[in-house]
């Protein structure tokens, strides 16, 4: 909220306790990038903060060495950033790796 990525809309009062506010995304130009590394391959998603998928890519392992995995993660991030270009603003990047 401090960076204005989400805003408060309606406030609900239910009689007792604290008031409840609804929080919604502010605009549709903010995205998050996620890369998942698992036993069968890689996926990369660009997702709007409203939950909509803007871009999705899957790749299988080409080289299962440590350097091969690192290179493919960076390649996926490069592809995602190329897609984002000037159309969107990236607010977070996450990488998920399972196992060794």
N, C-alpha and C. Protein backbone atom coordinates (compact mmCIF):
# COMPACT_ATOMS: atom_id res chain seq x y z
N UNK A 1 0.82 -1.19 0.00
CA UNK A 1 0.00 0.00 0.00
C UNK A 1 0.86 1.26 0.00
N UNK A 2 2.00 1.20 0.67
CA UNK A 2 2.88 2.38 0.71
C UNK A 2 3.38 2.76 -0.67
N UNK A 3 3.55 1.77 -1.56
CA UNK A 3 4.02 2.04 -2.92
C UNK A 3 2.87 2.21 -3.90
N UNK A 4 1.63 2.18 -3.40
CA UNK A 4 0.43 2.40 -4.21
C UNK A 4 0.17 1.28 -5.22
N UNK A 5 0.69 0.06 -4.94
CA UNK A 5 0.41 -1.08 -5.80
C UNK A 5 -1.00 -1.62 -5.56
N UNK A 6 -1.48 -1.48 -4.34
CA UNK A 6 -2.85 -1.86 -4.00
C UNK A 6 -3.50 -0.69 -3.27
N UNK A 7 -4.83 -0.61 -3.39
CA UNK A 7 -5.54 0.49 -2.75
C UNK A 7 -6.74 -0.05 -1.97
N UNK A 8 -7.15 0.69 -0.96
CA UNK A 8 -8.36 0.35 -0.21
C UNK A 8 -9.57 0.85 -0.99
N UNK A 9 -10.62 0.04 -1.00
CA UNK A 9 -11.85 0.49 -1.64
C UNK A 9 -12.89 0.71 -0.56
N UNK A 10 -13.85 -0.15 -0.47
CA UNK A 10 -14.93 0.00 0.50
C UNK A 10 -14.51 -0.41 1.90
N UNK A 11 -15.13 0.19 2.88
CA UNK A 11 -14.93 -0.17 4.27
C UNK A 11 -16.22 -0.79 4.79
N UNK A 12 -16.08 -1.90 5.50
CA UNK A 12 -17.23 -2.61 6.03
C UNK A 12 -17.16 -2.57 7.55
N UNK A 13 -18.25 -2.23 8.19
CA UNK A 13 -18.32 -2.30 9.65
C UNK A 13 -19.36 -3.34 10.02
N UNK A 14 -19.00 -4.18 10.97
CA UNK A 14 -19.90 -5.28 11.34
C UNK A 14 -20.42 -5.16 12.76
N UNK A 15 -20.33 -4.02 13.35
CA UNK A 15 -20.88 -3.84 14.68
C UNK A 15 -19.84 -3.87 15.78
N UNK A 16 -18.95 -4.85 15.79
CA UNK A 16 -17.93 -4.92 16.83
C UNK A 16 -16.57 -5.16 16.19
N UNK A 17 -15.52 -4.87 16.91
CA UNK A 17 -14.18 -5.11 16.41
C UNK A 17 -13.72 -4.04 15.43
N UNK A 18 -12.63 -4.35 14.77
CA UNK A 18 -12.05 -3.41 13.82
C UNK A 18 -12.84 -3.38 12.53
N UNK A 19 -12.77 -2.26 11.83
CA UNK A 19 -13.41 -2.17 10.53
C UNK A 19 -12.59 -2.98 9.51
N UNK A 20 -13.26 -3.48 8.50
CA UNK A 20 -12.63 -4.27 7.45
C UNK A 20 -12.61 -3.45 6.17
N UNK A 21 -11.47 -3.47 5.49
CA UNK A 21 -11.35 -2.76 4.23
C UNK A 21 -11.04 -3.76 3.13
N UNK A 22 -11.59 -3.53 1.95
CA UNK A 22 -11.27 -4.34 0.79
C UNK A 22 -10.05 -3.74 0.10
N UNK A 23 -9.10 -4.61 -0.27
CA UNK A 23 -7.88 -4.20 -0.93
C UNK A 23 -7.91 -4.74 -2.36
N UNK A 24 -7.64 -3.90 -3.35
CA UNK A 24 -7.64 -4.33 -4.75
C UNK A 24 -6.38 -3.83 -5.44
N UNK A 25 -5.94 -4.50 -6.52
CA UNK A 25 -4.79 -4.02 -7.28
C UNK A 25 -5.07 -2.64 -7.86
N UNK A 26 -4.05 -1.82 -7.92
CA UNK A 26 -4.15 -0.48 -8.48
C UNK A 26 -3.58 -0.49 -9.90
N UNK A 27 -4.45 -0.67 -10.86
CA UNK A 27 -4.00 -0.70 -12.25
C UNK A 27 -3.65 -2.10 -12.71
N UNK A 28 -3.40 -2.25 -13.99
CA UNK A 28 -3.10 -3.57 -14.54
C UNK A 28 -1.71 -3.62 -15.16
N UNK A 29 -0.84 -2.73 -14.77
CA UNK A 29 0.50 -2.67 -15.35
C UNK A 29 1.57 -3.28 -14.44
N UNK A 30 1.18 -3.78 -13.26
CA UNK A 30 2.13 -4.33 -12.30
C UNK A 30 2.13 -5.85 -12.41
N UNK A 31 3.33 -6.45 -12.51
CA UNK A 31 3.44 -7.90 -12.66
C UNK A 31 4.51 -8.47 -11.74
N UNK A 32 4.40 -9.77 -11.50
CA UNK A 32 5.40 -10.54 -10.79
C UNK A 32 5.92 -11.61 -11.74
N UNK A 33 7.18 -11.95 -11.63
CA UNK A 33 7.78 -13.01 -12.44
C UNK A 33 8.13 -14.16 -11.52
N UNK A 34 7.75 -15.37 -11.93
CA UNK A 34 8.08 -16.55 -11.15
C UNK A 34 8.71 -17.62 -12.02
N UNK A 35 9.78 -18.24 -11.52
CA UNK A 35 10.43 -19.36 -12.21
C UNK A 35 10.39 -20.55 -11.26
N UNK A 36 9.94 -21.70 -11.78
CA UNK A 36 9.89 -22.92 -10.99
C UNK A 36 10.83 -23.94 -11.63
N UNK A 37 11.75 -24.47 -10.82
CA UNK A 37 12.67 -25.51 -11.25
C UNK A 37 12.25 -26.79 -10.54
N UNK A 38 11.89 -27.82 -11.31
CA UNK A 38 11.51 -29.08 -10.68
C UNK A 38 12.14 -30.25 -11.42
N UNK A 39 11.77 -31.45 -11.04
CA UNK A 39 12.46 -32.64 -11.56
C UNK A 39 12.24 -32.88 -13.04
N UNK A 40 11.19 -32.32 -13.63
CA UNK A 40 10.94 -32.58 -15.05
C UNK A 40 11.25 -31.39 -15.95
N UNK A 41 11.54 -30.24 -15.37
CA UNK A 41 11.86 -29.09 -16.20
C UNK A 41 11.64 -27.77 -15.51
N UNK A 42 11.39 -26.75 -16.31
CA UNK A 42 11.29 -25.38 -15.82
C UNK A 42 10.01 -24.75 -16.33
N UNK A 43 9.41 -23.88 -15.51
CA UNK A 43 8.33 -23.03 -15.98
C UNK A 43 8.64 -21.60 -15.57
N UNK A 44 8.11 -20.68 -16.35
CA UNK A 44 8.28 -19.26 -16.07
C UNK A 44 6.95 -18.58 -16.33
N UNK A 45 6.50 -17.78 -15.38
CA UNK A 45 5.23 -17.07 -15.51
C UNK A 45 5.42 -15.60 -15.23
N UNK A 46 4.68 -14.79 -15.98
CA UNK A 46 4.53 -13.38 -15.66
C UNK A 46 3.06 -13.22 -15.31
N UNK A 47 2.81 -12.80 -14.06
CA UNK A 47 1.45 -12.75 -13.54
C UNK A 47 1.16 -11.34 -13.05
N UNK A 48 0.00 -10.81 -13.44
CA UNK A 48 -0.42 -9.51 -12.94
C UNK A 48 -0.79 -9.60 -11.47
N UNK A 49 -0.70 -8.49 -10.75
CA UNK A 49 -1.04 -8.54 -9.33
C UNK A 49 -2.52 -8.79 -9.11
N UNK A 50 -3.29 -8.76 -10.21
CA UNK A 50 -4.70 -9.13 -10.11
C UNK A 50 -4.89 -10.64 -10.30
N UNK A 51 -3.79 -11.38 -10.51
CA UNK A 51 -3.85 -12.82 -10.66
C UNK A 51 -3.92 -13.31 -12.09
N UNK A 52 -3.99 -12.42 -13.05
CA UNK A 52 -4.09 -12.84 -14.45
C UNK A 52 -2.71 -13.22 -15.00
N UNK A 53 -2.66 -14.32 -15.75
CA UNK A 53 -1.41 -14.76 -16.36
C UNK A 53 -1.20 -13.98 -17.66
N UNK A 54 -0.07 -13.32 -17.75
CA UNK A 54 0.27 -12.52 -18.93
C UNK A 54 1.17 -13.30 -19.90
N UNK A 55 1.99 -14.20 -19.34
CA UNK A 55 2.98 -14.92 -20.14
C UNK A 55 3.32 -16.20 -19.42
N UNK A 56 3.48 -17.31 -20.14
CA UNK A 56 3.83 -18.59 -19.54
C UNK A 56 4.72 -19.35 -20.50
N UNK A 57 5.77 -19.95 -19.98
CA UNK A 57 6.73 -20.67 -20.81
C UNK A 57 7.21 -21.91 -20.05
N UNK A 58 7.32 -23.04 -20.76
CA UNK A 58 7.86 -24.27 -20.17
C UNK A 58 9.08 -24.70 -20.99
N UNK A 59 10.08 -25.22 -20.29
CA UNK A 59 11.26 -25.77 -20.96
C UNK A 59 11.71 -27.03 -20.23
N UNK A 60 12.22 -27.98 -20.99
CA UNK A 60 12.76 -29.18 -20.37
C UNK A 60 14.26 -28.98 -20.14
N UNK A 61 14.84 -29.89 -19.35
CA UNK A 61 16.28 -29.82 -19.09
C UNK A 61 17.06 -30.06 -20.37
N UNK A 62 18.03 -29.22 -20.61
CA UNK A 62 18.96 -29.44 -21.71
C UNK A 62 20.28 -29.95 -21.16
N UNK A 63 20.62 -29.49 -19.97
CA UNK A 63 21.89 -29.84 -19.35
C UNK A 63 21.66 -29.84 -17.84
N UNK A 64 21.69 -31.00 -17.21
CA UNK A 64 21.36 -31.10 -15.79
C UNK A 64 22.53 -30.80 -14.85
N UNK A 65 23.57 -30.19 -15.36
CA UNK A 65 24.65 -29.76 -14.48
C UNK A 65 24.21 -28.51 -13.73
N UNK A 66 24.92 -28.18 -12.69
CA UNK A 66 24.60 -26.97 -11.91
C UNK A 66 24.62 -25.73 -12.81
N UNK A 67 25.65 -25.60 -13.62
CA UNK A 67 25.76 -24.43 -14.50
C UNK A 67 24.65 -24.43 -15.55
N UNK A 68 24.30 -25.62 -16.06
CA UNK A 68 23.22 -25.72 -17.04
C UNK A 68 21.89 -25.23 -16.47
N UNK A 69 21.61 -25.59 -15.21
CA UNK A 69 20.38 -25.14 -14.55
C UNK A 69 20.40 -23.63 -14.36
N UNK A 70 21.52 -23.10 -13.88
CA UNK A 70 21.64 -21.65 -13.67
C UNK A 70 21.47 -20.91 -14.99
N UNK A 71 22.10 -21.41 -16.06
CA UNK A 71 21.98 -20.76 -17.36
C UNK A 71 20.55 -20.75 -17.85
N UNK A 72 19.82 -21.84 -17.65
CA UNK A 72 18.44 -21.90 -18.12
C UNK A 72 17.53 -20.98 -17.30
N UNK A 73 17.78 -20.87 -15.99
CA UNK A 73 16.99 -19.95 -15.17
C UNK A 73 17.19 -18.52 -15.68
N UNK A 74 18.43 -18.13 -15.94
CA UNK A 74 18.69 -16.78 -16.45
C UNK A 74 18.09 -16.58 -17.84
N UNK A 75 18.10 -17.62 -18.66
CA UNK A 75 17.50 -17.53 -19.98
C UNK A 75 15.99 -17.30 -19.88
N UNK A 76 15.33 -18.01 -18.96
CA UNK A 76 13.89 -17.81 -18.75
C UNK A 76 13.60 -16.40 -18.25
N UNK A 77 14.41 -15.93 -17.32
CA UNK A 77 14.22 -14.56 -16.82
C UNK A 77 14.43 -13.54 -17.93
N UNK A 78 15.41 -13.76 -18.79
CA UNK A 78 15.62 -12.87 -19.94
C UNK A 78 14.40 -12.85 -20.85
N UNK A 79 13.84 -14.04 -21.14
CA UNK A 79 12.64 -14.12 -21.98
C UNK A 79 11.48 -13.37 -21.35
N UNK A 80 11.30 -13.56 -20.04
CA UNK A 80 10.20 -12.89 -19.34
C UNK A 80 10.38 -11.38 -19.36
N UNK A 81 11.61 -10.91 -19.12
CA UNK A 81 11.86 -9.47 -19.12
C UNK A 81 11.69 -8.89 -20.52
N UNK A 82 12.02 -9.66 -21.54
CA UNK A 82 11.80 -9.19 -22.91
C UNK A 82 10.29 -9.04 -23.16
N UNK A 83 9.50 -10.01 -22.67
CA UNK A 83 8.05 -9.90 -22.81
C UNK A 83 7.52 -8.67 -22.07
N UNK A 84 8.01 -8.45 -20.86
CA UNK A 84 7.56 -7.31 -20.04
C UNK A 84 7.86 -5.99 -20.74
N UNK A 85 9.09 -5.84 -21.23
CA UNK A 85 9.49 -4.63 -21.94
C UNK A 85 9.04 -3.37 -21.24
N UNK A 86 8.42 -2.47 -21.99
CA UNK A 86 7.89 -1.23 -21.43
C UNK A 86 6.40 -1.33 -21.10
N UNK A 87 5.81 -2.52 -21.35
CA UNK A 87 4.36 -2.68 -21.14
C UNK A 87 3.98 -2.75 -19.67
N UNK A 88 4.86 -3.34 -18.84
CA UNK A 88 4.54 -3.59 -17.45
C UNK A 88 5.68 -3.15 -16.55
N UNK A 89 5.38 -3.10 -15.24
CA UNK A 89 6.40 -2.82 -14.23
C UNK A 89 6.51 -4.06 -13.34
N UNK A 90 7.71 -4.61 -13.21
CA UNK A 90 7.94 -5.79 -12.38
C UNK A 90 8.07 -5.35 -10.92
N UNK A 91 7.22 -5.94 -10.05
CA UNK A 91 7.28 -5.60 -8.63
C UNK A 91 7.93 -6.70 -7.80
N UNK A 92 8.05 -7.92 -8.36
CA UNK A 92 8.77 -8.98 -7.64
C UNK A 92 9.19 -10.08 -8.61
N UNK A 93 10.25 -10.77 -8.23
CA UNK A 93 10.75 -11.92 -8.97
C UNK A 93 11.00 -13.02 -7.95
N UNK A 94 10.47 -14.21 -8.23
CA UNK A 94 10.68 -15.34 -7.33
C UNK A 94 11.16 -16.57 -8.09
N UNK A 95 12.02 -17.34 -7.43
CA UNK A 95 12.50 -18.59 -8.01
C UNK A 95 12.28 -19.69 -7.00
N UNK A 96 11.65 -20.78 -7.46
CA UNK A 96 11.36 -21.93 -6.62
C UNK A 96 12.15 -23.12 -7.13
N UNK A 97 12.92 -23.76 -6.24
CA UNK A 97 13.71 -24.93 -6.62
C UNK A 97 13.38 -26.08 -5.67
N UNK A 98 13.09 -27.23 -6.22
CA UNK A 98 12.78 -28.41 -5.40
C UNK A 98 13.99 -29.32 -5.32
N UNK A 99 14.20 -29.92 -4.18
CA UNK A 99 15.25 -30.93 -4.03
C UNK A 99 16.65 -30.38 -4.20
N UNK A 100 17.54 -31.28 -4.65
CA UNK A 100 18.95 -30.91 -4.83
C UNK A 100 19.14 -30.24 -6.15
